[in-house]
Amino acid sequence: MIIAMTSVSCKKNEDSSRTGQAATESSSELYSCPMHPEVHGKQGEACSVCGMELTEPFTPAATAPEEVKKQAEPLSKSSFSIDGILINYLKLKNALAKDDSKEAANAAKELNATFNNLKSDKIEAKFKKEYADLADDAKEHAAQIADNSGKIDSQRAHFAMLSKDVNELIKIFGTDMKIYRDYCPMYDQGKSGYWISETKDIKNPYYGSEMLTCGGITNEW
């Protein structure tokens, strides 16, 4: 679920005779979380999901969940499968969600090995170059993650780019796995905070325990 971040401005009541009334009205108003609009309470209280302050004026319409998009049919009709890539990618994603930099590095090494061992002879000619380009880019990001054990911020930055490559591979070749595309608008100012997950439960690989459940589902396969 992609949620727009907005700022709240407060206006002072110039009529001193209404100060008490305005304060009473303000205290009864409901505010929601910028990340989880279904959570609401008094302004400044903590969100029960992620701990952020409730700063957005609450409106009933804001709680209505956006429709999760069903991914279109894959472009390729070949029997070429990327499920092995996805399995290792998901291991990497889960390691980052657990703040485990060492495990993430090991998972990235396994992912690179999977790419290197995957036979691409079944890919249709019109998709061969696109696959090769995506695979090369994905391997480069996986290698950077593998080489940067202990530097989890760097690993997460490369994971964001790797996720983009994996998403493109899914669009082309599809998958037999039940997966979801999640999004965190807090990461990288909303530019690259996407990832693929095997579960509906949000486990944020970009923030781990800091904001584990922040984000939402945008697509499903």
N, C-alpha and C. Protein backbone atom coordinates (compact mmCIF):
# COMPACT_ATOMS: atom_id res chain seq x y z
N MET A 1 0.84 -1.18 0.00
CA MET A 1 0.00 0.00 0.00
C MET A 1 0.87 1.23 0.00
N ILE A 2 0.66 2.04 -0.95
CA ILE A 2 1.47 3.25 -1.05
C ILE A 2 0.73 4.37 -0.37
N ILE A 3 1.36 4.96 0.67
CA ILE A 3 0.72 5.99 1.47
C ILE A 3 1.49 7.27 1.34
N ALA A 4 0.81 8.35 0.98
CA ALA A 4 1.47 9.64 0.81
C ALA A 4 1.69 10.27 2.17
N MET A 5 2.90 10.81 2.35
CA MET A 5 3.22 11.51 3.58
C MET A 5 2.81 12.97 3.44
N THR A 6 2.06 13.48 4.40
CA THR A 6 1.63 14.87 4.36
C THR A 6 1.98 15.52 5.68
N SER A 7 2.07 16.83 5.66
CA SER A 7 2.37 17.56 6.88
C SER A 7 1.11 18.19 7.42
N VAL A 8 1.10 18.42 8.73
CA VAL A 8 -0.06 19.00 9.39
C VAL A 8 0.29 20.40 9.85
N SER A 9 -0.52 21.36 9.50
CA SER A 9 -0.30 22.73 9.96
C SER A 9 -1.40 23.09 10.95
N CYS A 10 -1.02 23.80 11.99
CA CYS A 10 -1.98 24.18 13.03
C CYS A 10 -2.18 25.68 12.99
N LYS A 11 -3.41 26.10 13.04
CA LYS A 11 -3.74 27.52 13.02
C LYS A 11 -4.13 27.97 14.43
N LYS A 12 -3.59 29.10 14.84
CA LYS A 12 -3.93 29.67 16.13
C LYS A 12 -5.24 30.42 16.01
N ASN A 13 -6.03 30.29 17.02
CA ASN A 13 -7.30 31.01 17.06
C ASN A 13 -7.03 32.42 17.57
N GLU A 14 -7.31 33.41 16.73
CA GLU A 14 -7.02 34.79 17.10
C GLU A 14 -8.02 35.34 18.10
N ASP A 15 -9.15 34.71 18.20
CA ASP A 15 -10.18 35.20 19.12
C ASP A 15 -9.93 34.59 20.49
N SER A 16 -9.41 35.40 21.42
CA SER A 16 -9.05 34.89 22.74
C SER A 16 -10.26 34.35 23.50
N SER A 17 -11.45 34.85 23.14
CA SER A 17 -12.64 34.40 23.84
C SER A 17 -13.00 32.96 23.51
N ARG A 18 -12.40 32.43 22.38
CA ARG A 18 -12.72 31.06 21.96
C ARG A 18 -11.58 30.11 22.25
N THR A 19 -10.54 30.56 22.97
CA THR A 19 -9.37 29.72 23.21
C THR A 19 -9.74 28.44 23.94
N GLY A 20 -10.52 28.57 24.98
CA GLY A 20 -10.91 27.39 25.75
C GLY A 20 -11.72 26.42 24.92
N GLN A 21 -12.66 26.96 24.11
CA GLN A 21 -13.48 26.11 23.25
C GLN A 21 -12.64 25.39 22.23
N ALA A 22 -11.65 26.10 21.61
CA ALA A 22 -10.79 25.49 20.60
C ALA A 22 -9.97 24.37 21.20
N ALA A 23 -9.48 24.57 22.43
CA ALA A 23 -8.68 23.53 23.08
C ALA A 23 -9.51 22.30 23.33
N THR A 24 -10.79 22.52 23.74
CA THR A 24 -11.67 21.38 23.98
C THR A 24 -11.94 20.60 22.70
N GLU A 25 -12.20 21.36 21.60
CA GLU A 25 -12.46 20.71 20.33
C GLU A 25 -11.23 19.94 19.85
N SER A 26 -10.02 20.55 20.01
CA SER A 26 -8.80 19.92 19.56
C SER A 26 -8.56 18.60 20.26
N SER A 27 -8.86 18.59 21.59
CA SER A 27 -8.60 17.38 22.37
C SER A 27 -9.51 16.24 21.95
N SER A 28 -10.68 16.56 21.35
CA SER A 28 -11.62 15.52 20.96
C SER A 28 -11.40 15.05 19.53
N GLU A 29 -10.55 15.75 18.77
CA GLU A 29 -10.29 15.36 17.40
C GLU A 29 -9.41 14.12 17.35
N LEU A 30 -9.60 13.31 16.31
CA LEU A 30 -8.81 12.10 16.14
C LEU A 30 -7.75 12.32 15.08
N TYR A 31 -6.61 11.71 15.31
CA TYR A 31 -5.49 11.76 14.36
C TYR A 31 -5.04 10.33 14.06
N SER A 32 -4.50 10.16 12.86
CA SER A 32 -4.05 8.82 12.46
C SER A 32 -2.55 8.82 12.19
N CYS A 33 -2.00 7.61 12.06
CA CYS A 33 -0.58 7.43 11.80
C CYS A 33 -0.30 7.67 10.32
N PRO A 34 0.79 8.37 9.97
CA PRO A 34 1.13 8.58 8.55
C PRO A 34 1.36 7.27 7.81
N MET A 35 1.87 6.25 8.52
CA MET A 35 2.17 4.97 7.90
C MET A 35 1.00 4.00 7.98
N HIS A 36 0.18 4.12 9.01
CA HIS A 36 -0.92 3.18 9.23
C HIS A 36 -2.19 3.96 9.53
N PRO A 37 -2.86 4.46 8.50
CA PRO A 37 -4.02 5.34 8.69
C PRO A 37 -5.20 4.68 9.40
N GLU A 38 -5.17 3.34 9.50
CA GLU A 38 -6.25 2.65 10.22
C GLU A 38 -6.11 2.80 11.73
N VAL A 39 -4.91 3.24 12.19
CA VAL A 39 -4.66 3.45 13.62
C VAL A 39 -4.93 4.93 13.94
N HIS A 40 -5.80 5.18 14.88
CA HIS A 40 -6.09 6.57 15.20
C HIS A 40 -6.29 6.76 16.70
N GLY A 41 -6.11 8.00 17.14
CA GLY A 41 -6.24 8.35 18.54
C GLY A 41 -5.98 9.84 18.69
N LYS A 42 -5.54 10.25 19.86
CA LYS A 42 -5.27 11.66 20.11
C LYS A 42 -3.97 12.08 19.43
N GLN A 43 -3.89 13.34 19.04
CA GLN A 43 -2.70 13.86 18.39
C GLN A 43 -1.48 13.69 19.30
N GLY A 44 -0.40 13.16 18.70
CA GLY A 44 0.84 12.99 19.45
C GLY A 44 1.00 11.64 20.10
N GLU A 45 -0.09 10.86 20.19
CA GLU A 45 0.04 9.52 20.75
C GLU A 45 0.84 8.64 19.79
N ALA A 46 1.34 7.53 20.30
CA ALA A 46 2.16 6.63 19.48
C ALA A 46 1.29 5.62 18.75
N CYS A 47 1.65 5.36 17.49
CA CYS A 47 0.97 4.33 16.72
C CYS A 47 1.22 2.97 17.36
N SER A 48 0.18 2.17 17.52
CA SER A 48 0.31 0.86 18.15
C SER A 48 1.05 -0.14 17.28
N VAL A 49 1.24 0.20 15.98
CA VAL A 49 1.92 -0.71 15.06
C VAL A 49 3.41 -0.38 14.95
N CYS A 50 3.72 0.92 14.67
CA CYS A 50 5.11 1.27 14.39
C CYS A 50 5.72 2.27 15.38
N GLY A 51 4.90 2.84 16.25
CA GLY A 51 5.42 3.75 17.25
C GLY A 51 5.51 5.20 16.81
N MET A 52 5.22 5.51 15.53
CA MET A 52 5.25 6.89 15.07
C MET A 52 4.13 7.70 15.73
N GLU A 53 4.33 9.03 15.82
CA GLU A 53 3.30 9.88 16.38
C GLU A 53 2.10 9.98 15.46
N LEU A 54 0.92 10.07 16.04
CA LEU A 54 -0.31 10.27 15.26
C LEU A 54 -0.39 11.75 14.91
N THR A 55 -0.21 12.06 13.65
CA THR A 55 -0.12 13.47 13.22
C THR A 55 -1.11 13.83 12.13
N GLU A 56 -1.73 12.84 11.47
CA GLU A 56 -2.62 13.13 10.35
C GLU A 56 -4.07 13.26 10.82
N PRO A 57 -4.77 14.35 10.48
CA PRO A 57 -6.19 14.46 10.84
C PRO A 57 -6.96 13.23 10.34
N PHE A 58 -7.70 12.62 11.22
CA PHE A 58 -8.40 11.38 10.89
C PHE A 58 -9.69 11.66 10.12
N THR A 59 -9.86 10.94 9.01
CA THR A 59 -11.13 10.94 8.27
C THR A 59 -11.47 9.49 7.98
N PRO A 60 -12.74 9.12 8.05
CA PRO A 60 -13.12 7.74 7.80
C PRO A 60 -12.63 7.20 6.46
N ALA A 61 -12.58 8.07 5.43
CA ALA A 61 -12.15 7.62 4.11
C ALA A 61 -10.70 7.19 4.11
N ALA A 62 -9.89 7.76 5.00
CA ALA A 62 -8.46 7.47 5.02
C ALA A 62 -8.17 6.05 5.47
N THR A 63 -9.14 5.41 6.14
CA THR A 63 -8.90 4.07 6.65
C THR A 63 -9.23 2.99 5.62
N ALA A 64 -9.86 3.38 4.53
CA ALA A 64 -10.23 2.39 3.51
C ALA A 64 -8.98 1.89 2.80
N PRO A 65 -8.69 0.59 2.85
CA PRO A 65 -7.47 0.07 2.22
C PRO A 65 -7.52 0.21 0.71
N GLU A 66 -6.37 0.54 0.11
CA GLU A 66 -6.30 0.60 -1.34
C GLU A 66 -6.29 -0.81 -1.90
N GLU A 67 -6.79 -0.97 -3.10
CA GLU A 67 -6.86 -2.29 -3.72
C GLU A 67 -5.46 -2.78 -4.07
N VAL A 68 -5.18 -4.01 -3.68
CA VAL A 68 -3.91 -4.64 -4.05
C VAL A 68 -4.03 -5.12 -5.50
N LYS A 69 -3.08 -4.72 -6.32
CA LYS A 69 -3.15 -5.04 -7.73
C LYS A 69 -2.72 -6.47 -8.01
N LYS A 70 -3.48 -7.16 -8.84
CA LYS A 70 -3.09 -8.48 -9.31
C LYS A 70 -2.09 -8.30 -10.44
N GLN A 71 -0.95 -8.99 -10.34
CA GLN A 71 0.06 -8.83 -11.36
C GLN A 71 -0.42 -9.42 -12.69
N ALA A 72 -0.08 -8.77 -13.77
CA ALA A 72 -0.48 -9.24 -15.11
C ALA A 72 0.21 -10.55 -15.45
N GLU A 73 -0.30 -11.22 -16.44
CA GLU A 73 0.31 -12.47 -16.89
C GLU A 73 1.75 -12.20 -17.34
N PRO A 74 2.66 -13.16 -17.11
CA PRO A 74 4.06 -12.95 -17.52
C PRO A 74 4.18 -12.80 -19.03
N LEU A 75 5.20 -12.07 -19.46
CA LEU A 75 5.40 -11.82 -20.88
C LEU A 75 5.90 -13.07 -21.61
N SER A 76 6.74 -13.82 -20.92
CA SER A 76 7.33 -15.02 -21.54
C SER A 76 6.39 -16.22 -21.41
N LYS A 77 6.39 -17.05 -22.43
CA LYS A 77 5.58 -18.27 -22.43
C LYS A 77 6.45 -19.52 -22.31
N SER A 78 7.73 -19.32 -22.06
CA SER A 78 8.66 -20.45 -21.98
C SER A 78 8.53 -21.15 -20.63
N SER A 79 9.20 -22.30 -20.50
CA SER A 79 9.19 -23.06 -19.25
C SER A 79 10.32 -22.63 -18.32
N PHE A 80 11.05 -21.60 -18.69
CA PHE A 80 12.15 -21.10 -17.86
C PHE A 80 11.59 -20.63 -16.52
N SER A 81 12.21 -21.08 -15.43
CA SER A 81 11.72 -20.76 -14.08
C SER A 81 12.74 -19.94 -13.30
N ILE A 82 12.24 -18.91 -12.62
CA ILE A 82 13.10 -18.10 -11.75
C ILE A 82 12.83 -18.42 -10.28
N ASP A 83 12.12 -19.50 -9.99
CA ASP A 83 11.75 -19.81 -8.61
C ASP A 83 12.98 -20.03 -7.73
N GLY A 84 14.04 -20.61 -8.29
CA GLY A 84 15.26 -20.79 -7.52
C GLY A 84 15.87 -19.45 -7.11
N ILE A 85 15.80 -18.48 -8.02
CA ILE A 85 16.27 -17.13 -7.70
C ILE A 85 15.44 -16.54 -6.57
N LEU A 86 14.14 -16.70 -6.66
CA LEU A 86 13.25 -16.14 -5.65
C LEU A 86 13.49 -16.76 -4.27
N ILE A 87 13.71 -18.05 -4.23
CA ILE A 87 13.93 -18.73 -2.94
C ILE A 87 15.14 -18.12 -2.22
N ASN A 88 16.24 -17.93 -2.96
CA ASN A 88 17.43 -17.35 -2.34
C ASN A 88 17.27 -15.87 -2.05
N TYR A 89 16.55 -15.16 -2.92
CA TYR A 89 16.26 -13.75 -2.67
C TYR A 89 15.48 -13.60 -1.36
N LEU A 90 14.49 -14.47 -1.15
CA LEU A 90 13.67 -14.38 0.06
C LEU A 90 14.48 -14.68 1.31
N LYS A 91 15.46 -15.57 1.22
CA LYS A 91 16.36 -15.81 2.35
C LYS A 91 17.11 -14.53 2.70
N LEU A 92 17.56 -13.84 1.68
CA LEU A 92 18.27 -12.58 1.87
C LEU A 92 17.36 -11.53 2.50
N LYS A 93 16.16 -11.43 1.97
CA LYS A 93 15.19 -10.46 2.50
C LYS A 93 14.90 -10.73 3.97
N ASN A 94 14.70 -11.97 4.33
CA ASN A 94 14.39 -12.32 5.72
C ASN A 94 15.57 -12.05 6.65
N ALA A 95 16.79 -12.25 6.16
CA ALA A 95 17.98 -11.96 6.97
C ALA A 95 18.06 -10.46 7.28
N LEU A 96 17.80 -9.63 6.29
CA LEU A 96 17.83 -8.19 6.50
C LEU A 96 16.72 -7.75 7.46
N ALA A 97 15.56 -8.38 7.35
CA ALA A 97 14.46 -8.06 8.26
C ALA A 97 14.81 -8.40 9.70
N LYS A 98 15.70 -9.38 9.87
CA LYS A 98 16.16 -9.77 11.22
C LYS A 98 17.41 -9.00 11.64
N ASP A 99 17.83 -8.05 10.84
CA ASP A 99 19.05 -7.27 11.12
C ASP A 99 20.29 -8.14 11.16
N ASP A 100 20.27 -9.26 10.43
CA ASP A 100 21.39 -10.20 10.44
C ASP A 100 22.26 -9.99 9.20
N SER A 101 23.26 -9.15 9.32
CA SER A 101 24.11 -8.80 8.19
C SER A 101 24.91 -10.00 7.68
N LYS A 102 25.40 -10.83 8.58
CA LYS A 102 26.20 -11.99 8.19
C LYS A 102 25.35 -12.99 7.41
N GLU A 103 24.15 -13.27 7.90
CA GLU A 103 23.26 -14.19 7.21
C GLU A 103 22.85 -13.63 5.85
N ALA A 104 22.67 -12.31 5.78
CA ALA A 104 22.34 -11.67 4.50
C ALA A 104 23.47 -11.87 3.50
N ALA A 105 24.71 -11.74 3.95
CA ALA A 105 25.86 -11.95 3.08
C ALA A 105 25.90 -13.38 2.55
N ASN A 106 25.64 -14.34 3.43
CA ASN A 106 25.64 -15.75 3.01
C ASN A 106 24.52 -16.03 2.01
N ALA A 107 23.34 -15.45 2.25
CA ALA A 107 22.21 -15.63 1.34
C ALA A 107 22.51 -15.02 -0.02
N ALA A 108 23.21 -13.89 -0.02
CA ALA A 108 23.58 -13.23 -1.28
C ALA A 108 24.56 -14.10 -2.08
N LYS A 109 25.47 -14.77 -1.38
CA LYS A 109 26.39 -15.68 -2.06
C LYS A 109 25.63 -16.83 -2.71
N GLU A 110 24.65 -17.38 -1.99
CA GLU A 110 23.83 -18.46 -2.54
C GLU A 110 23.03 -17.97 -3.75
N LEU A 111 22.54 -16.75 -3.67
CA LEU A 111 21.79 -16.18 -4.79
C LEU A 111 22.67 -16.06 -6.03
N ASN A 112 23.89 -15.58 -5.83
CA ASN A 112 24.80 -15.46 -6.96
C ASN A 112 25.10 -16.82 -7.57
N ALA A 113 25.28 -17.83 -6.72
CA ALA A 113 25.54 -19.18 -7.21
C ALA A 113 24.36 -19.70 -8.02
N THR A 114 23.15 -19.37 -7.58
CA THR A 114 21.95 -19.80 -8.31
C THR A 114 21.90 -19.16 -9.69
N PHE A 115 22.19 -17.87 -9.76
CA PHE A 115 22.24 -17.20 -11.06
C PHE A 115 23.27 -17.86 -11.98
N ASN A 116 24.45 -18.16 -11.43
CA ASN A 116 25.52 -18.72 -12.25
C ASN A 116 25.21 -20.13 -12.75
N ASN A 117 24.42 -20.88 -11.98
CA ASN A 117 24.11 -22.26 -12.35
C ASN A 117 22.84 -22.40 -13.18
N LEU A 118 22.10 -21.31 -13.32
CA LEU A 118 20.82 -21.37 -14.03
C LEU A 118 21.05 -21.40 -15.54
N LYS A 119 20.45 -22.38 -16.19
CA LYS A 119 20.55 -22.52 -17.64
C LYS A 119 19.49 -21.64 -18.31
N SER A 120 19.93 -20.81 -19.23
CA SER A 120 19.00 -19.88 -19.88
C SER A 120 18.62 -20.31 -21.29
N ASP A 121 18.91 -21.57 -21.66
CA ASP A 121 18.65 -22.02 -23.02
C ASP A 121 17.17 -22.09 -23.37
N LYS A 122 16.29 -22.15 -22.35
CA LYS A 122 14.86 -22.25 -22.63
C LYS A 122 14.20 -20.88 -22.82
N ILE A 123 14.94 -19.83 -22.60
CA ILE A 123 14.38 -18.49 -22.74
C ILE A 123 14.19 -18.15 -24.22
N GLU A 124 13.04 -17.57 -24.56
CA GLU A 124 12.82 -17.15 -25.95
C GLU A 124 13.86 -16.11 -26.35
N ALA A 125 14.20 -16.13 -27.61
CA ALA A 125 15.27 -15.25 -28.13
C ALA A 125 15.00 -13.78 -27.82
N LYS A 126 13.75 -13.36 -27.87
CA LYS A 126 13.44 -11.94 -27.67
C LYS A 126 13.64 -11.47 -26.23
N PHE A 127 13.78 -12.44 -25.29
CA PHE A 127 13.98 -12.08 -23.90
C PHE A 127 15.39 -12.38 -23.39
N LYS A 128 16.21 -12.99 -24.24
CA LYS A 128 17.53 -13.41 -23.78
C LYS A 128 18.41 -12.24 -23.33
N LYS A 129 18.46 -11.18 -24.12
CA LYS A 129 19.31 -10.04 -23.76
C LYS A 129 18.79 -9.35 -22.51
N GLU A 130 17.47 -9.18 -22.43
CA GLU A 130 16.90 -8.52 -21.26
C GLU A 130 17.20 -9.33 -20.00
N TYR A 131 17.07 -10.66 -20.10
CA TYR A 131 17.39 -11.50 -18.96
C TYR A 131 18.86 -11.37 -18.59
N ALA A 132 19.73 -11.41 -19.58
CA ALA A 132 21.17 -11.33 -19.32
C ALA A 132 21.53 -10.02 -18.62
N ASP A 133 20.93 -8.92 -19.08
CA ASP A 133 21.21 -7.62 -18.47
C ASP A 133 20.72 -7.57 -17.02
N LEU A 134 19.50 -8.08 -16.78
CA LEU A 134 18.95 -8.08 -15.43
C LEU A 134 19.75 -9.00 -14.52
N ALA A 135 20.13 -10.16 -15.04
CA ALA A 135 20.90 -11.12 -14.24
C ALA A 135 22.26 -10.53 -13.87
N ASP A 136 22.93 -9.89 -14.81
CA ASP A 136 24.24 -9.29 -14.53
C ASP A 136 24.12 -8.21 -13.45
N ASP A 137 23.10 -7.38 -13.56
CA ASP A 137 22.92 -6.31 -12.58
C ASP A 137 22.59 -6.89 -11.21
N ALA A 138 21.70 -7.91 -11.20
CA ALA A 138 21.33 -8.54 -9.93
C ALA A 138 22.53 -9.19 -9.27
N LYS A 139 23.38 -9.85 -10.06
CA LYS A 139 24.57 -10.50 -9.51
C LYS A 139 25.54 -9.48 -8.93
N GLU A 140 25.65 -8.34 -9.56
CA GLU A 140 26.53 -7.29 -9.05
C GLU A 140 26.06 -6.80 -7.68
N HIS A 141 24.75 -6.59 -7.54
CA HIS A 141 24.22 -6.13 -6.25
C HIS A 141 24.33 -7.23 -5.20
N ALA A 142 24.08 -8.48 -5.61
CA ALA A 142 24.23 -9.60 -4.67
C ALA A 142 25.68 -9.71 -4.21
N ALA A 143 26.64 -9.51 -5.12
CA ALA A 143 28.05 -9.57 -4.77
C ALA A 143 28.41 -8.48 -3.76
N GLN A 144 27.85 -7.30 -3.95
CA GLN A 144 28.12 -6.20 -3.02
C GLN A 144 27.56 -6.51 -1.64
N ILE A 145 26.39 -7.13 -1.61
CA ILE A 145 25.79 -7.53 -0.32
C ILE A 145 26.66 -8.59 0.35
N ALA A 146 27.14 -9.55 -0.44
CA ALA A 146 27.99 -10.61 0.10
C ALA A 146 29.31 -10.06 0.64
N ASP A 147 29.84 -9.05 0.00
CA ASP A 147 31.15 -8.49 0.37
C ASP A 147 31.07 -7.47 1.49
N ASN A 148 29.87 -7.12 1.92
CA ASN A 148 29.72 -6.06 2.92
C ASN A 148 29.07 -6.55 4.19
N SER A 149 29.43 -7.76 4.61
CA SER A 149 28.94 -8.27 5.89
C SER A 149 29.38 -7.33 7.00
N GLY A 150 28.43 -6.97 7.85
CA GLY A 150 28.72 -6.02 8.93
C GLY A 150 28.38 -4.59 8.58
N LYS A 151 28.06 -4.34 7.32
CA LYS A 151 27.68 -2.99 6.88
C LYS A 151 26.25 -3.05 6.32
N ILE A 152 25.32 -3.19 7.23
CA ILE A 152 23.95 -3.50 6.83
C ILE A 152 23.28 -2.37 6.05
N ASP A 153 23.64 -1.12 6.31
CA ASP A 153 23.06 -0.02 5.54
C ASP A 153 23.44 -0.12 4.07
N SER A 154 24.69 -0.47 3.81
CA SER A 154 25.14 -0.67 2.43
C SER A 154 24.44 -1.86 1.82
N GLN A 155 24.29 -2.93 2.57
CA GLN A 155 23.60 -4.12 2.07
C GLN A 155 22.16 -3.79 1.69
N ARG A 156 21.51 -2.99 2.51
CA ARG A 156 20.12 -2.64 2.24
C ARG A 156 19.99 -1.76 1.01
N ALA A 157 20.95 -0.88 0.79
CA ALA A 157 20.92 -0.04 -0.41
C ALA A 157 21.03 -0.90 -1.67
N HIS A 158 21.91 -1.89 -1.64
CA HIS A 158 22.04 -2.78 -2.80
C HIS A 158 20.84 -3.73 -2.91
N PHE A 159 20.26 -4.07 -1.78
CA PHE A 159 19.06 -4.92 -1.81
C PHE A 159 17.91 -4.21 -2.52
N ALA A 160 17.80 -2.89 -2.33
CA ALA A 160 16.75 -2.13 -3.01
C ALA A 160 16.90 -2.23 -4.52
N MET A 161 18.13 -2.14 -5.02
CA MET A 161 18.37 -2.25 -6.45
C MET A 161 18.18 -3.68 -6.94
N LEU A 162 18.60 -4.64 -6.12
CA LEU A 162 18.38 -6.05 -6.44
C LEU A 162 16.89 -6.35 -6.54
N SER A 163 16.11 -5.78 -5.64
CA SER A 163 14.65 -6.01 -5.64
C SER A 163 14.02 -5.51 -6.93
N LYS A 164 14.53 -4.41 -7.44
CA LYS A 164 14.03 -3.89 -8.72
C LYS A 164 14.29 -4.88 -9.84
N ASP A 165 15.49 -5.47 -9.87
CA ASP A 165 15.83 -6.46 -10.89
C ASP A 165 14.93 -7.69 -10.77
N VAL A 166 14.75 -8.16 -9.54
CA VAL A 166 13.93 -9.36 -9.31
C VAL A 166 12.49 -9.10 -9.72
N ASN A 167 11.99 -7.91 -9.43
CA ASN A 167 10.62 -7.58 -9.83
C ASN A 167 10.47 -7.62 -11.35
N GLU A 168 11.47 -7.13 -12.07
CA GLU A 168 11.42 -7.16 -13.53
C GLU A 168 11.46 -8.59 -14.06
N LEU A 169 12.24 -9.44 -13.41
CA LEU A 169 12.29 -10.85 -13.80
C LEU A 169 10.94 -11.53 -13.61
N ILE A 170 10.26 -11.18 -12.53
CA ILE A 170 8.93 -11.75 -12.28
C ILE A 170 7.95 -11.29 -13.36
N LYS A 171 8.03 -10.04 -13.75
CA LYS A 171 7.14 -9.53 -14.79
C LYS A 171 7.31 -10.31 -16.10
N ILE A 172 8.55 -10.66 -16.40
CA ILE A 172 8.82 -11.35 -17.66
C ILE A 172 8.47 -12.83 -17.59
N PHE A 173 8.95 -13.52 -16.53
CA PHE A 173 8.87 -14.97 -16.49
C PHE A 173 7.80 -15.53 -15.55
N GLY A 174 7.25 -14.67 -14.69
CA GLY A 174 6.25 -15.16 -13.76
C GLY A 174 6.85 -16.10 -12.72
N THR A 175 5.98 -16.69 -11.92
CA THR A 175 6.42 -17.63 -10.90
C THR A 175 5.25 -18.50 -10.47
N ASP A 176 5.56 -19.71 -10.00
CA ASP A 176 4.54 -20.59 -9.45
C ASP A 176 4.35 -20.36 -7.96
N MET A 177 5.17 -19.48 -7.39
CA MET A 177 5.09 -19.20 -5.96
C MET A 177 4.05 -18.12 -5.67
N LYS A 178 3.45 -18.18 -4.49
CA LYS A 178 2.55 -17.13 -4.04
C LYS A 178 3.40 -16.05 -3.38
N ILE A 179 3.47 -14.89 -4.01
CA ILE A 179 4.34 -13.83 -3.50
C ILE A 179 3.62 -12.48 -3.56
N TYR A 180 4.21 -11.52 -2.87
CA TYR A 180 3.65 -10.18 -2.78
C TYR A 180 4.76 -9.16 -3.00
N ARG A 181 4.37 -8.01 -3.53
CA ARG A 181 5.31 -6.89 -3.63
C ARG A 181 4.92 -5.86 -2.58
N ASP A 182 5.84 -5.58 -1.68
CA ASP A 182 5.60 -4.66 -0.57
C ASP A 182 6.33 -3.34 -0.81
N TYR A 183 5.91 -2.33 -0.05
CA TYR A 183 6.49 -1.00 -0.24
C TYR A 183 6.57 -0.26 1.09
N CYS A 184 7.70 0.37 1.33
CA CYS A 184 7.88 1.23 2.50
C CYS A 184 8.20 2.65 2.03
N PRO A 185 7.28 3.59 2.19
CA PRO A 185 7.51 4.96 1.73
C PRO A 185 8.52 5.73 2.57
N MET A 186 8.92 5.16 3.70
CA MET A 186 9.90 5.82 4.56
C MET A 186 11.32 5.66 4.04
N TYR A 187 11.58 4.57 3.30
CA TYR A 187 12.96 4.27 2.88
C TYR A 187 13.33 5.08 1.63
N ASP A 188 14.51 5.68 1.65
CA ASP A 188 15.05 6.40 0.50
C ASP A 188 14.06 7.45 -0.02
N GLN A 189 13.36 8.10 0.91
CA GLN A 189 12.38 9.13 0.57
C GLN A 189 11.32 8.61 -0.40
N GLY A 190 11.00 7.33 -0.25
CA GLY A 190 9.95 6.73 -1.06
C GLY A 190 10.37 6.33 -2.46
N LYS A 191 11.66 6.45 -2.79
CA LYS A 191 12.12 6.20 -4.16
C LYS A 191 12.35 4.72 -4.47
N SER A 192 12.82 3.96 -3.49
CA SER A 192 13.23 2.59 -3.82
C SER A 192 12.87 1.57 -2.73
N GLY A 193 11.87 1.89 -1.93
CA GLY A 193 11.55 1.03 -0.80
C GLY A 193 10.63 -0.14 -1.10
N TYR A 194 10.88 -0.85 -2.22
CA TYR A 194 10.07 -2.00 -2.60
C TYR A 194 10.81 -3.30 -2.28
N TRP A 195 10.05 -4.35 -2.04
CA TRP A 195 10.66 -5.68 -1.93
C TRP A 195 9.61 -6.75 -2.22
N ILE A 196 10.08 -7.97 -2.45
CA ILE A 196 9.21 -9.11 -2.72
C ILE A 196 9.14 -9.95 -1.45
N SER A 197 7.95 -10.43 -1.11
CA SER A 197 7.78 -11.22 0.10
C SER A 197 6.93 -12.45 -0.19
N GLU A 198 7.11 -13.48 0.63
CA GLU A 198 6.33 -14.71 0.50
C GLU A 198 5.15 -14.75 1.47
N THR A 199 4.99 -13.70 2.25
CA THR A 199 3.94 -13.67 3.25
C THR A 199 3.22 -12.33 3.25
N LYS A 200 1.96 -12.33 3.66
CA LYS A 200 1.20 -11.08 3.76
C LYS A 200 1.66 -10.24 4.93
N ASP A 201 2.27 -10.88 5.92
CA ASP A 201 2.77 -10.14 7.07
C ASP A 201 3.95 -9.27 6.64
N ILE A 202 3.91 -8.00 7.01
CA ILE A 202 4.99 -7.08 6.64
C ILE A 202 6.19 -7.29 7.57
N LYS A 203 7.32 -7.63 6.98
CA LYS A 203 8.60 -7.75 7.68
C LYS A 203 9.59 -6.89 6.90
N ASN A 204 9.76 -5.67 7.35
CA ASN A 204 10.49 -4.66 6.58
C ASN A 204 12.00 -4.93 6.58
N PRO A 205 12.58 -5.24 5.40
CA PRO A 205 14.01 -5.52 5.34
C PRO A 205 14.89 -4.27 5.37
N TYR A 206 14.28 -3.10 5.20
CA TYR A 206 15.06 -1.86 5.17
C TYR A 206 15.27 -1.27 6.56
N TYR A 207 14.40 -1.61 7.51
CA TYR A 207 14.53 -1.07 8.86
C TYR A 207 14.63 -2.14 9.93
N GLY A 208 14.28 -3.38 9.62
CA GLY A 208 14.38 -4.45 10.59
C GLY A 208 13.60 -4.14 11.85
N SER A 209 14.21 -4.41 13.00
CA SER A 209 13.52 -4.24 14.27
C SER A 209 13.14 -2.79 14.56
N GLU A 210 13.80 -1.85 13.90
CA GLU A 210 13.49 -0.44 14.12
C GLU A 210 12.06 -0.10 13.72
N MET A 211 11.62 -0.60 12.57
CA MET A 211 10.24 -0.39 12.09
C MET A 211 9.83 -1.62 11.28
N LEU A 212 9.75 -2.75 11.94
CA LEU A 212 9.59 -4.03 11.26
C LEU A 212 8.29 -4.13 10.47
N THR A 213 7.20 -3.57 10.97
CA THR A 213 5.91 -3.76 10.33
C THR A 213 5.48 -2.57 9.47
N CYS A 214 6.37 -1.63 9.25
CA CYS A 214 6.01 -0.47 8.44
C CYS A 214 6.00 -0.82 6.95
N GLY A 215 4.94 -0.46 6.28
CA GLY A 215 4.82 -0.72 4.84
C GLY A 215 3.49 -1.37 4.53
N GLY A 216 3.31 -1.73 3.28
CA GLY A 216 2.07 -2.37 2.85
C GLY A 216 2.26 -3.10 1.54
N ILE A 217 1.27 -3.89 1.17
CA ILE A 217 1.31 -4.68 -0.06
C ILE A 217 0.78 -3.85 -1.22
N THR A 218 1.49 -3.87 -2.35
CA THR A 218 1.02 -3.16 -3.54
C THR A 218 0.58 -4.12 -4.65
N ASN A 219 1.21 -5.28 -4.74
CA ASN A 219 0.89 -6.25 -5.80
C ASN A 219 0.93 -7.66 -5.23
N GLU A 220 0.25 -8.58 -5.89
CA GLU A 220 0.34 -9.98 -5.51
C GLU A 220 0.30 -10.87 -6.75
N TRP A 221 0.94 -12.01 -6.65
CA TRP A 221 0.97 -12.99 -7.73
C TRP A 221 0.30 -14.27 -7.27
